[in-house]
């Protein structure tokens, strides 16, 4: 992708030489797995977080992790960022996203949960391409003659967040967003809000469709983790 910019912010560029940090969200309580640290649950001889890190690392320039316990273990994969205690304990994925935006070394952040071991290899690139398209649309609308803008009605600005959609649902924690949305997110959390999709929509969100629903399988329970042992690395069932 060719580098462009809207205002002072360069558009996202995926890959090892790009300007996107990958944030693995591993700060949850794991309540549906008996409050274990889900990111460290074993799958085929490696913790879930390691599977996620392997999938995400080639797609971004840096990896960082959000975690609220076992920081010394997570540090094997990248710098570890804890939730801001001002928002309280166990406040959900947006608290981890806020920590990641605050600690990101790069202007863009791609977030994924620690319990999705089968993530697609083109996740970040496709989310970035969607934001490039959004920026191009906004530029075209701004450059249009006043008569054309009036005829077409008022045009909304470009979406600032791209999020995956698969299986008929928004995969809300698999998103790409600029780090400069941190003040908006902190204000949202300070107001007691926690719903991810509501905050995304408030800041302008574009959904990117992925055909492979299995790639976004969340392992929320012990039964789902057991099922994952029977799946191929793609998330599909192994052939007998």
Protein backbone atom coordinates (compact mmCIF):
# COMPACT_ATOMS: atom_id res chain seq x y z
CA UNK A 1 0.00 0.00 0.00
CA UNK A 2 1.20 3.50 -0.83
CA UNK A 3 1.65 5.84 2.13
CA UNK A 4 -0.76 8.76 2.30
CA UNK A 5 -1.99 10.95 5.10
CA UNK A 6 -5.11 12.70 6.31
CA UNK A 7 -4.08 15.76 8.25
CA UNK A 8 -1.08 14.97 10.41
CA UNK A 9 -1.82 11.24 10.71
CA UNK A 10 -0.27 8.85 8.17
CA UNK A 11 -2.55 6.09 6.99
CA UNK A 12 -1.88 2.59 8.31
CA UNK A 13 0.68 0.39 6.60
CA UNK A 14 0.65 -3.30 7.50
CA UNK A 15 3.65 -5.60 7.79
CA UNK A 16 6.98 -5.59 9.57
CA UNK A 17 8.03 -2.29 8.00
CA UNK A 18 4.74 -0.52 8.62
CA UNK A 19 3.42 1.84 11.27
CA UNK A 20 1.02 -0.50 13.10
CA UNK A 21 1.53 -2.05 16.53
CA UNK A 22 -0.26 -5.31 17.25
CA UNK A 23 -2.03 -5.41 20.62
CA UNK A 24 -2.96 -8.80 22.09
CA UNK A 25 -5.68 -8.41 24.71
CA UNK A 26 -4.94 -10.83 27.53
CA UNK A 27 -6.22 -8.86 30.50
CA UNK A 28 -9.57 -10.58 31.05
CA UNK A 29 -10.75 -12.50 34.09
CA UNK A 30 -11.50 -15.74 32.19
CA UNK A 31 -14.73 -16.15 34.17
CA UNK A 32 -16.17 -18.77 31.81
CA UNK A 33 -13.04 -20.90 32.25
CA UNK A 34 -13.03 -20.81 36.03
CA UNK A 35 -11.16 -17.48 36.15
CA UNK A 36 -7.97 -18.95 34.73
CA UNK A 37 -5.59 -16.73 32.77
CA UNK A 38 -6.96 -17.67 29.35
CA UNK A 39 -3.97 -16.46 27.37
CA UNK A 40 -1.84 -19.06 29.12
CA UNK A 41 -4.24 -21.98 28.59
CA UNK A 42 -2.40 -24.68 26.60
CA UNK A 43 -3.30 -25.59 23.03
CA UNK A 44 -1.14 -28.18 21.27
CA UNK A 45 1.82 -27.66 23.52
CA UNK A 46 1.82 -23.85 23.52
CA UNK A 47 -0.21 -21.21 25.38
CA UNK A 48 -3.02 -19.56 23.44
CA UNK A 49 -1.18 -16.24 23.45
CA UNK A 50 1.71 -17.83 21.57
CA UNK A 51 -0.59 -19.00 18.77
CA UNK A 52 -2.04 -15.51 18.52
CA UNK A 53 1.40 -13.88 18.58
CA UNK A 54 2.60 -16.15 15.76
CA UNK A 55 -0.39 -15.16 13.63
CA UNK A 56 -0.21 -11.43 14.36
CA UNK A 57 3.53 -10.70 14.49
CA UNK A 58 4.19 -10.92 10.70
CA UNK A 59 1.31 -8.51 10.07
CA UNK A 60 2.58 -5.65 12.28
CA UNK A 61 5.77 -3.77 13.07
CA UNK A 62 5.69 -4.33 16.85
CA UNK A 63 3.81 -6.48 19.35
CA UNK A 64 2.53 -5.29 22.72
CA UNK A 65 0.28 -7.08 25.18
CA UNK A 66 -2.44 -6.05 27.60
CA UNK A 67 -2.35 -8.22 30.73
CA UNK A 68 -3.26 -7.81 34.39
CA UNK A 69 -1.46 -10.84 35.80
CA UNK A 70 1.48 -13.10 34.93
CA UNK A 71 3.24 -10.17 33.27
CA UNK A 72 6.59 -11.96 33.42
CA UNK A 73 5.22 -14.75 31.19
CA UNK A 74 3.55 -12.43 28.68
CA UNK A 75 6.77 -10.39 28.48
CA UNK A 76 8.25 -13.20 26.37
CA UNK A 77 6.14 -11.91 23.48
CA UNK A 78 6.45 -8.14 23.90
CA UNK A 79 6.07 -5.24 26.33
CA UNK A 80 3.21 -5.79 28.79
CA UNK A 81 0.70 -3.03 29.62
CA UNK A 82 -1.71 -3.25 32.54
CA UNK A 83 -5.14 -1.60 32.69
CA UNK A 84 -5.34 1.85 34.24
CA UNK A 85 -6.49 1.25 37.85
CA UNK A 86 -8.58 4.43 37.64
CA UNK A 87 -11.12 2.45 35.59
CA UNK A 88 -11.39 -0.34 38.16
CA UNK A 89 -10.49 -4.02 37.94
CA UNK A 90 -11.72 -6.36 35.19
CA UNK A 91 -13.44 -3.66 33.15
CA UNK A 92 -13.50 -5.51 29.83
CA UNK A 93 -11.61 -5.27 26.55
CA UNK A 94 -11.85 -1.51 26.12
CA UNK A 95 -9.77 -1.02 29.25
CA UNK A 96 -7.07 -3.13 27.63
CA UNK A 97 -7.41 -1.21 24.39
CA UNK A 98 -6.93 2.05 26.32
CA UNK A 99 -3.75 0.67 27.88
CA UNK A 100 -2.53 -0.34 24.44
CA UNK A 101 -3.25 3.03 22.86
CA UNK A 102 -1.47 4.77 25.74
CA UNK A 103 1.59 2.55 25.44
CA UNK A 104 1.75 2.05 21.68
CA UNK A 105 5.08 2.97 20.08
CA UNK A 106 3.34 3.52 16.72
CA UNK A 107 0.43 5.69 15.51
CA UNK A 108 -1.87 2.77 14.62
CA UNK A 109 -2.89 -0.24 16.70
CA UNK A 110 -4.41 -3.55 15.56
CA UNK A 111 -6.15 -5.32 18.43
CA UNK A 112 -6.96 -9.02 18.78
CA UNK A 113 -8.04 -11.16 21.76
CA UNK A 114 -5.71 -13.75 23.25
CA UNK A 115 -8.23 -16.58 22.71
CA UNK A 116 -8.44 -16.51 18.88
CA UNK A 117 -5.61 -18.83 17.81
CA UNK A 118 -6.70 -19.21 14.16
CA UNK A 119 -6.59 -15.57 13.02
CA UNK A 120 -6.30 -14.95 9.25
CA UNK A 121 -2.88 -14.00 7.93
CA UNK A 122 -4.28 -11.00 6.04
CA UNK A 123 -6.35 -9.56 8.88
CA UNK A 124 -4.36 -6.36 9.43
CA UNK A 125 -3.73 -5.70 5.75
CA UNK A 126 -7.41 -5.92 4.88
CA UNK A 127 -8.42 -3.67 7.77
CA UNK A 128 -5.78 -1.15 6.66
CA UNK A 129 -6.99 -1.26 3.06
CA UNK A 130 -10.52 -0.48 4.25
CA UNK A 131 -9.28 2.64 6.04
CA UNK A 132 -7.35 3.67 2.92
CA UNK A 133 -10.57 3.38 0.94
CA UNK A 134 -12.42 5.41 3.56
CA UNK A 135 -9.77 8.13 3.42
CA UNK A 136 -9.95 8.22 -0.36
CA UNK A 137 -13.72 8.54 -0.24
CA UNK A 138 -13.49 11.44 2.20
CA UNK A 139 -10.83 13.15 0.07
CA UNK A 140 -12.97 12.80 -3.05
CA UNK A 141 -15.98 14.22 -1.23
CA UNK A 142 -13.96 17.19 0.06
CA UNK A 143 -12.55 17.89 -3.42
CA UNK A 144 -15.94 17.80 -5.13
CA UNK A 145 -17.36 21.14 -6.35
CA UNK A 146 -19.83 22.78 -3.97
CA UNK A 147 -22.69 22.08 -6.39
CA UNK A 148 -21.92 18.36 -6.34
CA UNK A 149 -21.67 18.30 -2.55
CA UNK A 150 -25.02 20.05 -2.26
CA UNK A 151 -26.66 17.67 -4.73
CA UNK A 152 -25.34 14.63 -2.89
CA UNK A 153 -26.15 15.90 0.58
CA UNK A 154 -23.71 16.33 3.44
CA UNK A 155 -20.97 13.72 3.36
CA UNK A 156 -19.79 12.06 6.57
CA UNK A 157 -16.09 12.02 7.34
CA UNK A 158 -13.97 8.93 6.90
CA UNK A 159 -14.37 6.12 9.41
CA UNK A 160 -11.43 5.98 11.82
CA UNK A 161 -11.84 2.37 12.93
CA UNK A 162 -11.91 -0.79 10.78
CA UNK A 163 -13.28 -3.97 12.33
CA UNK A 164 -13.62 -7.54 11.08
CA UNK A 165 -17.01 -9.09 10.37
CA UNK A 166 -17.50 -12.85 10.00
CA UNK A 167 -20.31 -15.32 10.50
CA UNK A 168 -22.88 -12.54 10.34
CA UNK A 169 -21.40 -10.74 13.35
CA UNK A 170 -18.99 -7.92 14.02
CA UNK A 171 -15.82 -9.35 15.55
CA UNK A 172 -15.57 -6.22 17.61
CA UNK A 173 -12.23 -6.80 19.31
CA UNK A 174 -10.45 -7.51 16.00
CA UNK A 175 -10.00 -3.91 14.92
CA UNK A 176 -7.52 -1.36 13.60
CA UNK A 177 -7.60 2.15 15.01
CA UNK A 178 -5.36 5.21 15.50
CA UNK A 179 -3.69 5.74 18.85
CA UNK A 180 -4.97 9.33 18.91
CA UNK A 181 -8.45 8.01 19.79
CA UNK A 182 -7.18 7.52 23.35
CA UNK A 183 -8.82 10.69 24.76
CA UNK A 184 -12.18 9.61 23.32
CA UNK A 185 -11.81 6.14 24.79
CA UNK A 186 -10.75 7.39 28.21
CA UNK A 187 -13.74 9.73 28.35
CA UNK A 188 -16.03 6.83 27.40
CA UNK A 189 -14.60 4.62 30.14
CA UNK A 190 -14.69 7.45 32.69
CA UNK A 191 -18.41 7.81 31.95
CA UNK A 192 -18.91 4.18 32.97
CA UNK A 193 -19.45 2.92 29.43
CA UNK A 194 -18.03 -0.46 28.43
CA UNK A 195 -19.76 -1.60 25.21
CA UNK A 196 -17.18 -1.94 22.43
CA UNK A 197 -19.50 -1.58 19.43
CA UNK A 198 -21.15 1.57 20.78
CA UNK A 199 -17.79 3.28 21.15
CA UNK A 200 -16.68 2.14 17.69
CA UNK A 201 -19.83 3.52 16.10
CA UNK A 202 -19.43 6.86 17.87
CA UNK A 203 -15.99 7.28 16.31
CA UNK A 204 -16.86 6.07 12.81
CA UNK A 205 -16.46 2.38 12.05
CA UNK A 206 -16.23 0.40 8.82
CA UNK A 207 -16.76 -3.36 8.84
CA UNK A 208 -14.59 -5.64 6.69
CA UNK A 209 -16.16 -8.96 5.69
CA UNK A 210 -14.16 -12.19 6.10
CA UNK A 211 -15.53 -15.42 4.68
CA UNK A 212 -13.80 -17.77 7.13
CA UNK A 213 -15.85 -17.63 10.32
CA UNK A 214 -13.67 -20.32 11.94
CA UNK A 215 -10.65 -18.00 11.79
CA UNK A 216 -12.30 -15.86 14.47
CA UNK A 217 -13.24 -18.71 16.81
CA UNK A 218 -13.13 -17.49 20.42
CA UNK A 219 -12.19 -20.10 23.00
CA UNK A 220 -14.30 -18.85 25.89
CA UNK A 221 -14.99 -22.14 27.67
CA UNK A 222 -13.14 -25.33 28.53
CA UNK A 223 -15.33 -27.19 26.04
CA UNK A 224 -14.36 -24.81 23.24
CA UNK A 225 -10.70 -25.18 24.15
CA UNK A 226 -11.07 -28.98 23.99
CA UNK A 227 -12.73 -28.66 20.59
CA UNK A 228 -9.85 -26.53 19.32
CA UNK A 229 -7.48 -29.45 19.86
CA UNK A 230 -9.36 -31.29 17.09
CA UNK A 231 -9.02 -28.44 14.58
CA UNK A 232 -6.38 -27.81 11.97
CA UNK A 233 -4.31 -24.60 12.29
CA UNK A 234 -6.83 -22.92 9.94
CA UNK A 235 -9.60 -23.50 12.47
CA UNK A 236 -11.25 -26.22 10.36
CA UNK A 237 -11.63 -29.83 11.42
CA UNK A 238 -8.75 -32.12 10.63
CA UNK A 239 -9.49 -34.85 8.15
CA UNK A 240 -9.61 -38.34 9.65
